[in-house]
N, C-alpha and C. Protein backbone atom coordinates (compact mmCIF):
# COMPACT_ATOMS: atom_id res chain seq x y z
N GLY A 1 42.39 -24.51 -49.46
CA GLY A 1 41.28 -24.36 -48.54
C GLY A 1 41.71 -24.61 -47.11
N GLN A 2 42.26 -25.74 -46.85
CA GLN A 2 42.65 -26.07 -45.47
C GLN A 2 43.90 -25.36 -45.05
N TYR A 3 44.91 -25.27 -46.01
CA TYR A 3 46.15 -24.61 -45.65
C TYR A 3 46.17 -23.18 -46.08
N GLY A 4 45.26 -22.70 -46.89
CA GLY A 4 45.31 -21.32 -47.36
C GLY A 4 44.83 -20.34 -46.33
N GLN A 5 43.68 -20.56 -45.81
CA GLN A 5 43.09 -19.64 -44.83
C GLN A 5 42.88 -20.27 -43.46
N GLY A 6 42.84 -21.55 -43.43
CA GLY A 6 42.45 -22.18 -42.17
C GLY A 6 43.54 -22.13 -41.13
N GLN A 7 44.54 -22.93 -41.33
CA GLN A 7 45.54 -23.07 -40.27
C GLN A 7 46.57 -21.98 -40.34
N TYR A 8 47.19 -21.80 -41.56
CA TYR A 8 48.32 -20.89 -41.64
C TYR A 8 47.93 -19.50 -42.10
N GLY A 9 46.80 -19.28 -42.62
CA GLY A 9 46.46 -17.96 -43.13
C GLY A 9 46.04 -17.01 -42.05
N GLN A 10 44.91 -17.23 -41.50
CA GLN A 10 44.38 -16.36 -40.45
C GLN A 10 44.19 -17.08 -39.13
N GLY A 11 44.20 -18.36 -39.20
CA GLY A 11 43.83 -19.09 -37.98
C GLY A 11 44.91 -19.03 -36.93
N GLN A 12 45.95 -19.80 -37.14
CA GLN A 12 46.94 -19.93 -36.08
C GLN A 12 47.96 -18.81 -36.14
N TYR A 13 48.60 -18.60 -37.33
CA TYR A 13 49.71 -17.68 -37.39
C TYR A 13 49.31 -16.31 -37.88
N GLY A 14 48.19 -16.11 -38.42
CA GLY A 14 47.84 -14.81 -38.98
C GLY A 14 47.40 -13.84 -37.92
N GLN A 15 46.26 -14.03 -37.38
CA GLN A 15 45.70 -13.15 -36.36
C GLN A 15 45.43 -13.87 -35.05
N GLY A 16 45.46 -15.15 -35.10
CA GLY A 16 45.01 -15.87 -33.91
C GLY A 16 46.03 -15.85 -32.79
N GLN A 17 47.04 -16.70 -32.91
CA GLN A 17 47.95 -16.86 -31.79
C GLN A 17 49.01 -15.79 -31.77
N TYR A 18 49.73 -15.59 -32.90
CA TYR A 18 50.88 -14.71 -32.88
C TYR A 18 50.56 -13.31 -33.37
N GLY A 19 49.47 -13.07 -33.95
CA GLY A 19 49.19 -11.74 -34.48
C GLY A 19 48.75 -10.78 -33.41
N GLN A 20 47.63 -11.00 -32.86
CA GLN A 20 47.08 -10.14 -31.81
C GLN A 20 46.89 -10.86 -30.49
N GLY A 21 46.87 -12.13 -30.55
CA GLY A 21 46.49 -12.86 -29.35
C GLY A 21 47.58 -12.85 -28.30
N GLN A 22 48.67 -13.58 -28.58
CA GLN A 22 49.67 -13.76 -27.54
C GLN A 22 50.68 -12.63 -27.55
N TYR A 23 51.31 -12.33 -28.71
CA TYR A 23 52.42 -11.39 -28.73
C TYR A 23 52.01 -10.00 -29.16
N GLY A 24 50.88 -9.80 -29.66
CA GLY A 24 50.50 -8.48 -30.16
C GLY A 24 50.08 -7.56 -29.05
N GLN A 25 48.96 -7.80 -28.47
CA GLN A 25 48.43 -6.98 -27.40
C GLN A 25 48.15 -7.76 -26.13
N GLY A 26 48.29 -9.02 -26.20
CA GLY A 26 47.83 -9.83 -25.08
C GLY A 26 48.78 -9.82 -23.91
N GLN A 27 49.72 -10.77 -23.93
CA GLN A 27 50.55 -10.97 -22.75
C GLN A 27 51.67 -9.95 -22.68
N TYR A 28 52.47 -9.81 -23.76
CA TYR A 28 53.68 -9.01 -23.68
C TYR A 28 53.51 -7.62 -24.23
N GLY A 29 52.43 -7.31 -24.86
CA GLY A 29 52.30 -5.99 -25.47
C GLY A 29 51.98 -4.92 -24.46
N GLN A 30 50.85 -4.99 -23.85
CA GLN A 30 50.42 -3.98 -22.90
C GLN A 30 50.21 -4.53 -21.50
N GLN A 31 49.90 -5.76 -21.42
CA GLN A 31 49.52 -6.27 -20.10
C GLN A 31 50.72 -6.44 -19.18
N ALA A 32 51.82 -7.01 -19.71
CA ALA A 32 52.95 -7.30 -18.83
C ALA A 32 53.77 -6.06 -18.55
N TYR A 33 54.17 -5.29 -19.62
CA TYR A 33 55.09 -4.18 -19.44
C TYR A 33 54.46 -2.84 -19.72
N GLY A 34 53.22 -2.77 -20.00
CA GLY A 34 52.62 -1.49 -20.36
C GLY A 34 52.11 -0.73 -19.17
N GLN A 35 50.80 -0.61 -19.08
CA GLN A 35 50.19 0.17 -18.03
C GLN A 35 49.76 -0.67 -16.84
N TYR A 36 49.49 -1.93 -17.08
CA TYR A 36 48.92 -2.75 -16.00
C TYR A 36 49.94 -3.74 -15.44
N GLY A 37 51.17 -3.58 -15.77
CA GLY A 37 52.16 -4.52 -15.28
C GLY A 37 52.50 -4.26 -13.82
N PRO A 38 52.85 -5.28 -13.10
CA PRO A 38 53.19 -5.09 -11.67
C PRO A 38 54.49 -4.33 -11.48
N TYR A 39 55.37 -4.33 -12.49
CA TYR A 39 56.63 -3.62 -12.36
C TYR A 39 56.66 -2.34 -13.15
N GLY A 40 55.61 -2.01 -13.86
CA GLY A 40 55.64 -0.85 -14.74
C GLY A 40 55.50 0.45 -14.00
N GLN A 41 54.37 0.67 -13.36
CA GLN A 41 54.10 1.93 -12.69
C GLN A 41 54.26 1.85 -11.18
N GLN A 42 54.02 0.71 -10.64
CA GLN A 42 54.00 0.64 -9.18
C GLN A 42 55.38 0.81 -8.58
N GLN A 43 56.39 0.17 -9.19
CA GLN A 43 57.72 0.26 -8.60
C GLN A 43 58.55 1.37 -9.24
N HIS A 44 58.54 1.46 -10.61
CA HIS A 44 59.40 2.42 -11.26
C HIS A 44 58.73 3.77 -11.44
N GLY A 45 57.46 3.82 -11.59
CA GLY A 45 56.79 5.10 -11.78
C GLY A 45 56.63 5.86 -10.48
N GLN A 46 56.15 5.16 -9.46
CA GLN A 46 55.93 5.77 -8.15
C GLN A 46 57.19 5.66 -7.31
N PRO A 47 57.29 6.45 -6.21
CA PRO A 47 58.49 6.39 -5.35
C PRO A 47 58.69 5.01 -4.77
N ASP A 48 59.92 4.58 -4.83
CA ASP A 48 60.28 3.24 -4.37
C ASP A 48 60.48 3.23 -2.86
N PRO A 49 59.77 2.36 -2.17
CA PRO A 49 59.98 2.34 -0.70
C PRO A 49 61.39 1.94 -0.31
N TYR A 50 62.03 1.12 -1.14
CA TYR A 50 63.40 0.72 -0.81
C TYR A 50 64.37 1.86 -1.02
N GLY A 51 64.07 2.77 -1.94
CA GLY A 51 64.93 3.94 -2.12
C GLY A 51 64.89 4.85 -0.91
N GLN A 52 63.68 5.02 -0.35
CA GLN A 52 63.57 5.86 0.84
C GLN A 52 64.23 5.21 2.04
N GLN A 53 64.14 3.91 2.13
CA GLN A 53 64.82 3.25 3.24
C GLN A 53 66.32 3.37 3.11
N GLY A 54 66.80 3.37 1.88
CA GLY A 54 68.23 3.54 1.70
C GLY A 54 68.71 4.90 2.15
N GLN A 55 67.90 5.95 1.88
CA GLN A 55 68.28 7.27 2.33
C GLN A 55 68.28 7.36 3.85
N SER A 56 67.25 6.79 4.47
CA SER A 56 67.21 6.86 5.93
C SER A 56 68.34 6.05 6.55
N TYR A 57 68.74 4.96 5.91
CA TYR A 57 69.87 4.20 6.43
C TYR A 57 71.15 5.00 6.31
N GLY A 58 71.26 5.78 5.27
CA GLY A 58 72.46 6.59 5.12
C GLY A 58 72.52 7.70 6.14
N GLN A 59 71.37 8.26 6.51
CA GLN A 59 71.36 9.35 7.47
C GLN A 59 71.49 8.86 8.90
N TYR A 60 70.92 7.75 9.24
CA TYR A 60 70.93 7.25 10.61
C TYR A 60 71.68 5.93 10.68
N GLY A 61 72.86 5.92 10.19
CA GLY A 61 73.64 4.70 10.19
C GLY A 61 74.36 4.50 11.50
N TYR A 62 75.51 3.87 11.35
CA TYR A 62 76.27 3.53 12.55
C TYR A 62 77.18 4.65 12.99
N GLY A 63 77.27 5.75 12.26
CA GLY A 63 78.14 6.85 12.64
C GLY A 63 77.62 7.59 13.86
N GLU A 64 78.51 8.28 14.54
CA GLU A 64 78.13 9.01 15.75
C GLU A 64 77.55 10.36 15.37
N SER A 65 76.46 10.74 15.99
CA SER A 65 75.83 12.02 15.69
C SER A 65 76.67 13.16 16.24
N PRO A 66 76.55 14.35 15.64
CA PRO A 66 77.37 15.48 16.12
C PRO A 66 77.09 15.85 17.57
N ALA A 67 75.88 15.62 18.05
CA ALA A 67 75.56 16.01 19.43
C ALA A 67 76.31 15.16 20.45
N THR A 68 76.52 13.87 20.13
CA THR A 68 77.20 13.00 21.07
C THR A 68 78.70 12.93 20.85
N ALA A 69 79.22 13.66 19.88
CA ALA A 69 80.67 13.70 19.67
C ALA A 69 81.31 14.53 20.78
N ARG A 70 82.42 14.05 21.30
CA ARG A 70 83.08 14.70 22.43
C ARG A 70 83.75 16.00 21.99
N PRO A 71 83.36 17.14 22.55
CA PRO A 71 83.99 18.42 22.15
C PRO A 71 85.43 18.50 22.62
N GLY A 72 86.19 19.34 21.92
CA GLY A 72 87.58 19.53 22.31
C GLY A 72 87.73 20.20 23.65
N GLY A 73 86.78 21.07 24.01
CA GLY A 73 86.84 21.72 25.31
C GLY A 73 86.72 20.74 26.46
N VAL A 74 85.89 19.72 26.30
CA VAL A 74 85.74 18.71 27.36
C VAL A 74 87.03 17.90 27.50
N ILE A 75 87.64 17.57 26.37
CA ILE A 75 88.91 16.83 26.43
C ILE A 75 89.99 17.66 27.11
N THR A 76 90.06 18.95 26.75
CA THR A 76 91.07 19.83 27.37
C THR A 76 90.84 19.97 28.87
N ALA A 77 89.57 20.12 29.26
CA ALA A 77 89.26 20.24 30.69
C ALA A 77 89.64 18.98 31.45
N ALA A 78 89.39 17.82 30.86
CA ALA A 78 89.75 16.57 31.52
C ALA A 78 91.27 16.43 31.65
N VAL A 79 92.00 16.82 30.60
CA VAL A 79 93.46 16.76 30.67
C VAL A 79 93.99 17.70 31.76
N LEU A 80 93.44 18.91 31.82
CA LEU A 80 93.84 19.83 32.88
C LEU A 80 93.49 19.28 34.26
N GLY A 81 92.36 18.58 34.35
CA GLY A 81 92.00 17.95 35.61
C GLY A 81 93.01 16.90 36.04
N PHE A 82 93.49 16.10 35.07
CA PHE A 82 94.52 15.11 35.39
C PHE A 82 95.83 15.78 35.80
N VAL A 83 96.18 16.88 35.15
CA VAL A 83 97.41 17.60 35.51
C VAL A 83 97.32 18.15 36.93
N LEU A 84 96.19 18.78 37.25
CA LEU A 84 96.00 19.29 38.61
C LEU A 84 95.99 18.16 39.63
N ALA A 85 95.41 17.02 39.25
CA ALA A 85 95.39 15.88 40.16
C ALA A 85 96.80 15.36 40.41
N ALA A 86 97.64 15.34 39.38
CA ALA A 86 99.03 14.92 39.56
C ALA A 86 99.77 15.86 40.51
N PHE A 87 99.52 17.16 40.37
CA PHE A 87 100.11 18.12 41.30
C PHE A 87 99.57 17.90 42.71
N GLY A 88 98.29 17.55 42.82
CA GLY A 88 97.71 17.26 44.13
C GLY A 88 98.32 16.03 44.78
N VAL A 89 98.69 15.03 43.98
CA VAL A 89 99.35 13.85 44.54
C VAL A 89 100.68 14.23 45.19
N LEU A 90 101.45 15.07 44.50
CA LEU A 90 102.75 15.50 45.05
C LEU A 90 102.57 16.31 46.34
N VAL A 91 101.64 17.26 46.30
CA VAL A 91 101.42 18.11 47.47
C VAL A 91 100.89 17.29 48.64
N GLY A 92 99.92 16.41 48.37
CA GLY A 92 99.36 15.59 49.43
C GLY A 92 100.39 14.67 50.05
N PHE A 93 101.23 14.07 49.21
CA PHE A 93 102.28 13.19 49.74
C PHE A 93 103.25 13.97 50.63
N PHE A 94 103.64 15.16 50.19
CA PHE A 94 104.57 15.97 50.99
C PHE A 94 103.94 16.36 52.32
N LEU A 95 102.68 16.78 52.30
CA LEU A 95 102.04 17.20 53.54
C LEU A 95 101.87 16.05 54.52
N ILE A 96 101.53 14.88 54.01
CA ILE A 96 101.36 13.72 54.89
C ILE A 96 102.69 13.31 55.51
N VAL A 97 103.73 13.27 54.69
CA VAL A 97 105.05 12.89 55.22
C VAL A 97 105.54 13.93 56.24
N PHE A 98 105.38 15.21 55.90
CA PHE A 98 105.82 16.26 56.81
C PHE A 98 105.01 16.23 58.11
N GLY A 99 103.71 16.02 58.00
CA GLY A 99 102.88 15.95 59.20
C GLY A 99 103.24 14.78 60.09
N ALA A 100 103.49 13.62 59.47
CA ALA A 100 103.88 12.45 60.26
C ALA A 100 105.23 12.67 60.95
N ALA A 101 106.16 13.32 60.23
CA ALA A 101 107.47 13.60 60.83
C ALA A 101 107.35 14.60 61.97
N ALA A 102 106.50 15.59 61.81
CA ALA A 102 106.31 16.58 62.87
C ALA A 102 105.68 15.95 64.10
N LEU A 103 104.73 15.06 63.90
CA LEU A 103 104.13 14.38 65.05
C LEU A 103 105.13 13.48 65.76
N ALA A 104 105.96 12.82 64.97
CA ALA A 104 107.00 11.99 65.59
C ALA A 104 108.01 12.84 66.36
N GLY A 105 108.35 14.01 65.80
CA GLY A 105 109.27 14.91 66.50
C GLY A 105 108.66 15.46 67.77
N ALA A 106 107.37 15.71 67.75
CA ALA A 106 106.70 16.22 68.95
C ALA A 106 106.72 15.20 70.06
N GLU A 107 106.58 13.93 69.74
CA GLU A 107 106.65 12.89 70.77
C GLU A 107 108.07 12.78 71.34
N GLY A 108 109.08 13.05 70.50
CA GLY A 108 110.44 12.98 71.00
C GLY A 108 110.79 14.13 71.92
N PHE A 109 110.11 15.27 71.74
CA PHE A 109 110.39 16.43 72.58
C PHE A 109 109.59 16.45 73.88
N GLU A 110 108.73 15.49 74.08
CA GLU A 110 107.88 15.52 75.27
C GLU A 110 108.69 15.47 76.56
N GLY A 111 109.77 14.69 76.59
CA GLY A 111 110.54 14.56 77.82
C GLY A 111 111.46 15.73 78.11
N PHE A 112 111.76 16.53 77.03
CA PHE A 112 112.72 17.63 77.19
C PHE A 112 112.04 18.99 77.07
N GLU A 113 110.74 18.99 77.06
CA GLU A 113 110.01 20.24 76.86
C GLU A 113 110.31 21.27 77.92
N GLU A 114 110.20 20.86 79.13
CA GLU A 114 110.34 21.81 80.23
C GLU A 114 111.80 22.23 80.45
N GLU A 115 112.74 21.34 80.15
CA GLU A 115 114.14 21.64 80.42
C GLU A 115 114.77 22.47 79.30
N LEU A 116 114.53 22.10 78.03
CA LEU A 116 115.20 22.79 76.92
C LEU A 116 114.39 23.99 76.45
N VAL A 117 113.44 23.75 75.63
CA VAL A 117 112.61 24.84 75.07
C VAL A 117 111.17 24.50 75.38
N PRO A 118 110.56 25.20 76.30
CA PRO A 118 109.17 24.89 76.64
C PRO A 118 108.23 25.17 75.46
N GLY A 119 107.29 24.27 75.26
CA GLY A 119 106.29 24.47 74.22
C GLY A 119 106.67 23.98 72.85
N VAL A 120 107.91 23.46 72.68
CA VAL A 120 108.32 23.00 71.34
C VAL A 120 107.54 21.77 70.92
N GLY A 121 107.39 20.84 71.84
CA GLY A 121 106.66 19.62 71.49
C GLY A 121 105.22 19.89 71.12
N GLY A 122 104.57 20.77 71.86
CA GLY A 122 103.18 21.09 71.54
C GLY A 122 103.04 21.81 70.21
N GLY A 123 104.01 22.69 69.91
CA GLY A 123 103.97 23.39 68.63
C GLY A 123 104.18 22.46 67.45
N LEU A 124 105.13 21.54 67.59
CA LEU A 124 105.36 20.56 66.52
C LEU A 124 104.15 19.65 66.33
N GLY A 125 103.52 19.29 67.43
CA GLY A 125 102.33 18.45 67.32
C GLY A 125 101.20 19.15 66.59
N ALA A 126 101.02 20.44 66.88
CA ALA A 126 99.97 21.19 66.18
C ALA A 126 100.27 21.33 64.70
N VAL A 127 101.53 21.64 64.39
CA VAL A 127 101.92 21.77 62.98
C VAL A 127 101.77 20.43 62.25
N GLY A 128 102.19 19.36 62.92
CA GLY A 128 102.07 18.04 62.30
C GLY A 128 100.62 17.65 62.08
N GLY A 129 99.76 17.94 63.04
CA GLY A 129 98.34 17.61 62.87
C GLY A 129 97.69 18.39 61.74
N ILE A 130 98.01 19.69 61.66
CA ILE A 130 97.44 20.51 60.59
C ILE A 130 97.95 20.04 59.23
N SER A 131 99.25 19.76 59.15
CA SER A 131 99.82 19.30 57.89
C SER A 131 99.23 17.96 57.46
N LEU A 132 99.07 17.07 58.41
CA LEU A 132 98.48 15.76 58.09
C LEU A 132 97.04 15.90 57.64
N ALA A 133 96.29 16.79 58.27
CA ALA A 133 94.89 16.99 57.88
C ALA A 133 94.80 17.57 56.47
N PHE A 134 95.62 18.57 56.16
CA PHE A 134 95.61 19.14 54.82
C PHE A 134 96.09 18.12 53.78
N GLY A 135 97.01 17.26 54.17
CA GLY A 135 97.45 16.22 53.25
C GLY A 135 96.34 15.25 52.90
N LEU A 136 95.56 14.85 53.89
CA LEU A 136 94.43 13.95 53.63
C LEU A 136 93.36 14.63 52.78
N ILE A 137 93.10 15.91 53.06
CA ILE A 137 92.13 16.66 52.25
C ILE A 137 92.60 16.76 50.80
N THR A 138 93.91 16.97 50.63
CA THR A 138 94.46 17.06 49.27
C THR A 138 94.32 15.73 48.53
N VAL A 139 94.52 14.63 49.24
CA VAL A 139 94.36 13.32 48.62
C VAL A 139 92.91 13.10 48.19
N LEU A 140 91.97 13.46 49.04
CA LEU A 140 90.55 13.34 48.68
C LEU A 140 90.21 14.21 47.48
N TRP A 141 90.75 15.42 47.46
CA TRP A 141 90.51 16.30 46.31
C TRP A 141 91.12 15.72 45.04
N THR A 142 92.27 15.08 45.16
CA THR A 142 92.91 14.44 44.00
C THR A 142 92.04 13.33 43.43
N VAL A 143 91.49 12.51 44.32
CA VAL A 143 90.58 11.45 43.87
C VAL A 143 89.36 12.05 43.17
N LEU A 144 88.84 13.14 43.72
CA LEU A 144 87.69 13.82 43.11
C LEU A 144 88.02 14.33 41.72
N MET A 145 89.21 14.90 41.54
CA MET A 145 89.60 15.42 40.23
C MET A 145 89.79 14.30 39.21
N ILE A 146 90.40 13.21 39.63
CA ILE A 146 90.59 12.08 38.70
C ILE A 146 89.25 11.48 38.31
N TRP A 147 88.39 11.28 39.28
CA TRP A 147 87.07 10.72 39.02
C TRP A 147 86.25 11.65 38.13
N GLY A 148 86.30 12.94 38.43
CA GLY A 148 85.56 13.90 37.60
C GLY A 148 86.08 13.98 36.19
N SER A 149 87.38 13.87 35.99
CA SER A 149 87.95 13.91 34.64
C SER A 149 87.53 12.69 33.84
N VAL A 150 87.52 11.53 34.48
CA VAL A 150 87.10 10.31 33.79
C VAL A 150 85.62 10.39 33.41
N TRP A 151 84.79 10.85 34.32
CA TRP A 151 83.36 10.98 34.02
C TRP A 151 83.11 12.02 32.93
N ALA A 152 83.90 13.08 32.90
CA ALA A 152 83.73 14.08 31.85
C ALA A 152 84.10 13.50 30.49
N LEU A 153 85.16 12.72 30.42
CA LEU A 153 85.57 12.13 29.15
C LEU A 153 84.54 11.13 28.64
N THR A 154 83.93 10.37 29.53
CA THR A 154 82.93 9.39 29.12
C THR A 154 81.55 10.00 28.92
N GLY A 155 81.38 11.29 29.25
CA GLY A 155 80.09 11.94 29.07
C GLY A 155 79.08 11.61 30.15
N ARG A 156 79.53 11.04 31.24
CA ARG A 156 78.59 10.66 32.30
C ARG A 156 78.11 11.87 33.09
N SER A 157 79.05 12.72 33.53
CA SER A 157 78.69 13.89 34.31
C SER A 157 79.87 14.86 34.33
N ARG A 158 79.55 16.13 34.49
CA ARG A 158 80.58 17.15 34.63
C ARG A 158 80.57 17.78 36.03
N VAL A 159 79.68 17.34 36.88
CA VAL A 159 79.50 17.96 38.20
C VAL A 159 80.75 17.79 39.05
N LEU A 160 81.30 16.58 39.08
CA LEU A 160 82.47 16.33 39.91
C LEU A 160 83.66 17.18 39.48
N LEU A 161 83.83 17.32 38.17
CA LEU A 161 84.95 18.13 37.68
C LEU A 161 84.74 19.60 37.99
N ILE A 162 83.50 20.06 37.94
CA ILE A 162 83.22 21.45 38.29
C ILE A 162 83.49 21.69 39.78
N VAL A 163 83.06 20.75 40.63
CA VAL A 163 83.30 20.90 42.07
C VAL A 163 84.79 20.88 42.37
N GLY A 164 85.50 19.91 41.80
CA GLY A 164 86.93 19.83 42.03
C GLY A 164 87.68 21.03 41.48
N GLY A 165 87.26 21.53 40.31
CA GLY A 165 87.90 22.72 39.76
C GLY A 165 87.63 23.96 40.58
N SER A 166 86.44 24.06 41.15
CA SER A 166 86.13 25.21 42.01
C SER A 166 86.98 25.20 43.28
N ILE A 167 87.17 24.01 43.85
CA ILE A 167 88.06 23.91 45.02
C ILE A 167 89.49 24.29 44.63
N ALA A 168 89.90 23.86 43.44
CA ALA A 168 91.25 24.20 42.97
C ALA A 168 91.41 25.70 42.77
N ILE A 169 90.36 26.36 42.29
CA ILE A 169 90.42 27.82 42.13
C ILE A 169 90.64 28.50 43.47
N ALA A 170 89.94 28.03 44.50
CA ALA A 170 90.08 28.64 45.83
C ALA A 170 91.49 28.46 46.38
N PHE A 171 92.01 27.24 46.32
CA PHE A 171 93.34 26.99 46.89
C PHE A 171 94.45 27.64 46.07
N THR A 172 94.35 27.57 44.74
CA THR A 172 95.38 28.22 43.91
C THR A 172 95.32 29.73 44.04
N GLY A 173 94.11 30.27 44.28
CA GLY A 173 94.01 31.71 44.52
C GLY A 173 94.72 32.12 45.79
N LEU A 174 94.58 31.30 46.85
CA LEU A 174 95.32 31.58 48.08
C LEU A 174 96.83 31.46 47.87
N THR A 175 97.22 30.48 47.06
CA THR A 175 98.64 30.33 46.75
C THR A 175 99.17 31.53 45.99
N LEU A 176 98.36 32.07 45.08
CA LEU A 176 98.78 33.26 44.33
C LEU A 176 98.93 34.47 45.24
N LEU A 177 98.01 34.62 46.18
CA LEU A 177 98.12 35.73 47.13
C LEU A 177 99.39 35.61 47.97
N GLY A 178 99.70 34.39 48.39
CA GLY A 178 100.93 34.19 49.14
C GLY A 178 102.17 34.49 48.31
N SER A 179 102.13 34.11 47.03
CA SER A 179 103.27 34.38 46.16
C SER A 179 103.43 35.87 45.90
N LEU A 180 102.32 36.57 45.77
CA LEU A 180 102.40 38.02 45.60
C LEU A 180 102.99 38.69 46.84
N GLY A 181 102.67 38.14 48.01
CA GLY A 181 103.24 38.69 49.23
C GLY A 181 104.74 38.46 49.33
N ASP A 182 105.19 37.30 48.84
CA ASP A 182 106.63 37.01 48.86
C ASP A 182 107.39 37.82 47.82
N GLY A 183 106.74 38.08 46.68
CA GLY A 183 107.39 38.87 45.63
C GLY A 183 108.33 38.09 44.75
N ALA A 184 108.36 36.77 44.84
CA ALA A 184 109.25 35.97 43.99
C ALA A 184 108.61 35.81 42.61
N PRO A 185 109.31 36.19 41.53
CA PRO A 185 108.71 36.09 40.19
C PRO A 185 108.38 34.66 39.80
N GLY A 186 109.25 33.72 40.15
CA GLY A 186 108.98 32.32 39.80
C GLY A 186 107.74 31.78 40.50
N GLY A 187 107.59 32.11 41.77
CA GLY A 187 106.42 31.66 42.50
C GLY A 187 105.14 32.28 41.99
N ILE A 188 105.22 33.56 41.61
CA ILE A 188 104.03 34.24 41.07
C ILE A 188 103.62 33.62 39.74
N LEU A 189 104.60 33.35 38.87
CA LEU A 189 104.29 32.76 37.57
C LEU A 189 103.69 31.37 37.72
N PHE A 190 104.26 30.57 38.61
CA PHE A 190 103.74 29.22 38.83
C PHE A 190 102.32 29.26 39.40
N SER A 191 102.08 30.18 40.32
CA SER A 191 100.74 30.30 40.89
C SER A 191 99.73 30.77 39.85
N LEU A 192 100.15 31.66 38.95
CA LEU A 192 99.26 32.11 37.88
C LEU A 192 98.90 30.95 36.94
N LEU A 193 99.86 30.10 36.65
CA LEU A 193 99.58 28.94 35.80
C LEU A 193 98.58 28.00 36.47
N LEU A 194 98.72 27.80 37.77
CA LEU A 194 97.77 26.93 38.48
C LEU A 194 96.37 27.53 38.49
N VAL A 195 96.28 28.83 38.73
CA VAL A 195 94.97 29.49 38.72
C VAL A 195 94.34 29.41 37.34
N ALA A 196 95.13 29.65 36.29
CA ALA A 196 94.61 29.58 34.92
C ALA A 196 94.12 28.17 34.58
N ALA A 197 94.86 27.16 35.01
CA ALA A 197 94.45 25.78 34.75
C ALA A 197 93.14 25.45 35.47
N ALA A 198 93.02 25.89 36.72
CA ALA A 198 91.80 25.61 37.49
C ALA A 198 90.59 26.32 36.89
N VAL A 199 90.77 27.59 36.52
CA VAL A 199 89.66 28.35 35.94
C VAL A 199 89.26 27.77 34.59
N SER A 200 90.24 27.39 33.77
CA SER A 200 89.94 26.81 32.45
C SER A 200 89.21 25.48 32.59
N THR A 201 89.55 24.70 33.59
CA THR A 201 88.87 23.42 33.80
C THR A 201 87.38 23.61 34.03
N VAL A 202 87.02 24.60 34.82
CA VAL A 202 85.61 24.84 35.11
C VAL A 202 84.90 25.47 33.92
N LEU A 203 85.54 26.45 33.28
CA LEU A 203 84.88 27.16 32.19
C LEU A 203 84.66 26.28 30.97
N LEU A 204 85.60 25.42 30.65
CA LEU A 204 85.49 24.62 29.43
C LEU A 204 84.34 23.62 29.48
N VAL A 205 84.03 23.12 30.67
CA VAL A 205 82.91 22.17 30.77
C VAL A 205 81.58 22.87 30.96
N CYS A 206 81.59 24.20 31.03
CA CYS A 206 80.35 24.97 31.16
C CYS A 206 79.94 25.66 29.87
N LEU A 207 80.72 25.51 28.81
CA LEU A 207 80.38 26.12 27.53
C LEU A 207 79.21 25.39 26.87
N LYS A 208 78.61 26.02 25.85
CA LYS A 208 77.44 25.44 25.18
C LYS A 208 77.73 24.11 24.49
N PRO A 209 78.86 23.95 23.77
CA PRO A 209 79.13 22.62 23.19
C PRO A 209 79.22 21.52 24.23
N ALA A 210 79.83 21.84 25.37
CA ALA A 210 79.91 20.84 26.44
C ALA A 210 78.54 20.54 27.02
N SER A 211 77.70 21.57 27.16
CA SER A 211 76.35 21.35 27.69
C SER A 211 75.53 20.46 26.76
N ARG A 212 75.63 20.71 25.44
CA ARG A 212 74.91 19.86 24.48
C ARG A 212 75.44 18.43 24.51
N TYR A 213 76.74 18.30 24.68
CA TYR A 213 77.34 16.96 24.72
C TYR A 213 76.84 16.16 25.92
N PHE A 214 76.85 16.75 27.10
CA PHE A 214 76.39 16.02 28.29
C PHE A 214 74.88 15.76 28.24
N ALA A 215 74.11 16.70 27.68
CA ALA A 215 72.67 16.48 27.54
C ALA A 215 72.38 15.34 26.57
N ALA A 216 73.12 15.27 25.47
CA ALA A 216 72.93 14.19 24.51
C ALA A 216 73.33 12.84 25.11
N ARG A 217 74.38 12.83 25.91
CA ARG A 217 74.78 11.59 26.57
C ARG A 217 73.74 11.12 27.58
N ARG A 218 73.15 12.06 28.30
CA ARG A 218 72.09 11.68 29.25
C ARG A 218 70.89 11.11 28.51
N ALA A 219 70.51 11.74 27.40
CA ALA A 219 69.39 11.23 26.62
C ALA A 219 69.70 9.86 26.03
N GLN A 220 70.93 9.66 25.63
CA GLN A 220 71.32 8.36 25.08
C GLN A 220 71.27 7.27 26.13
N ARG A 221 71.72 7.57 27.33
CA ARG A 221 71.64 6.57 28.41
C ARG A 221 70.20 6.29 28.80
N ALA A 222 69.36 7.34 28.81
CA ALA A 222 67.95 7.13 29.15
C ALA A 222 67.24 6.30 28.09
N ALA A 223 67.64 6.44 26.83
CA ALA A 223 66.99 5.67 25.76
C ALA A 223 67.38 4.20 25.79
N THR A 224 68.56 3.90 26.29
CA THR A 224 69.02 2.51 26.33
C THR A 224 68.57 1.76 27.57
N ARG A 225 67.91 2.43 28.51
CA ARG A 225 67.45 1.76 29.71
C ARG A 225 66.18 0.98 29.44
């Protein structure tokens, strides 16, 4: 009577605690892992917010976007700018030294102008002044080319390199015309190389990849302000 149906038959172990109550349908049957569980449908059935965040982290991570990647044309233009600037250093140094020497020679001829060769001192002074002026202009242009090449590499601006390259096109074009007049094959070839370098410097920073690169850099700087 007491142990047949009461405690062990139907009461505690039959249908009460372990049959349907606790382990059958109650806690672990349907409520915890079935339809109403907090981990059943909400996290695994529906889209996981952490999964979507993982995808967005993969797409917008620490890598550089293609728009802000430095194009090869910009690098080539900057290298050509440095090469032209190095040539400008040599030319500017020669013109300044020659101009200073001509001015010094003109001062030495001042006392003998009228007796030996009239007008020599004045001619040397004019040549020295012109040479010195062109030497200083060449030095300023060299600084412009170096500055423009650095700014182009860093994505700050391409304007300085375009201005310096345009000036280089004008001067190298005049040099080419002079070489054609002389007829020396070596001078013509060298002048053609200078003209090609100057033209390539301007054209490479004006192409569409370069334009997208500088626009992306401007937007990036504006966003960080």
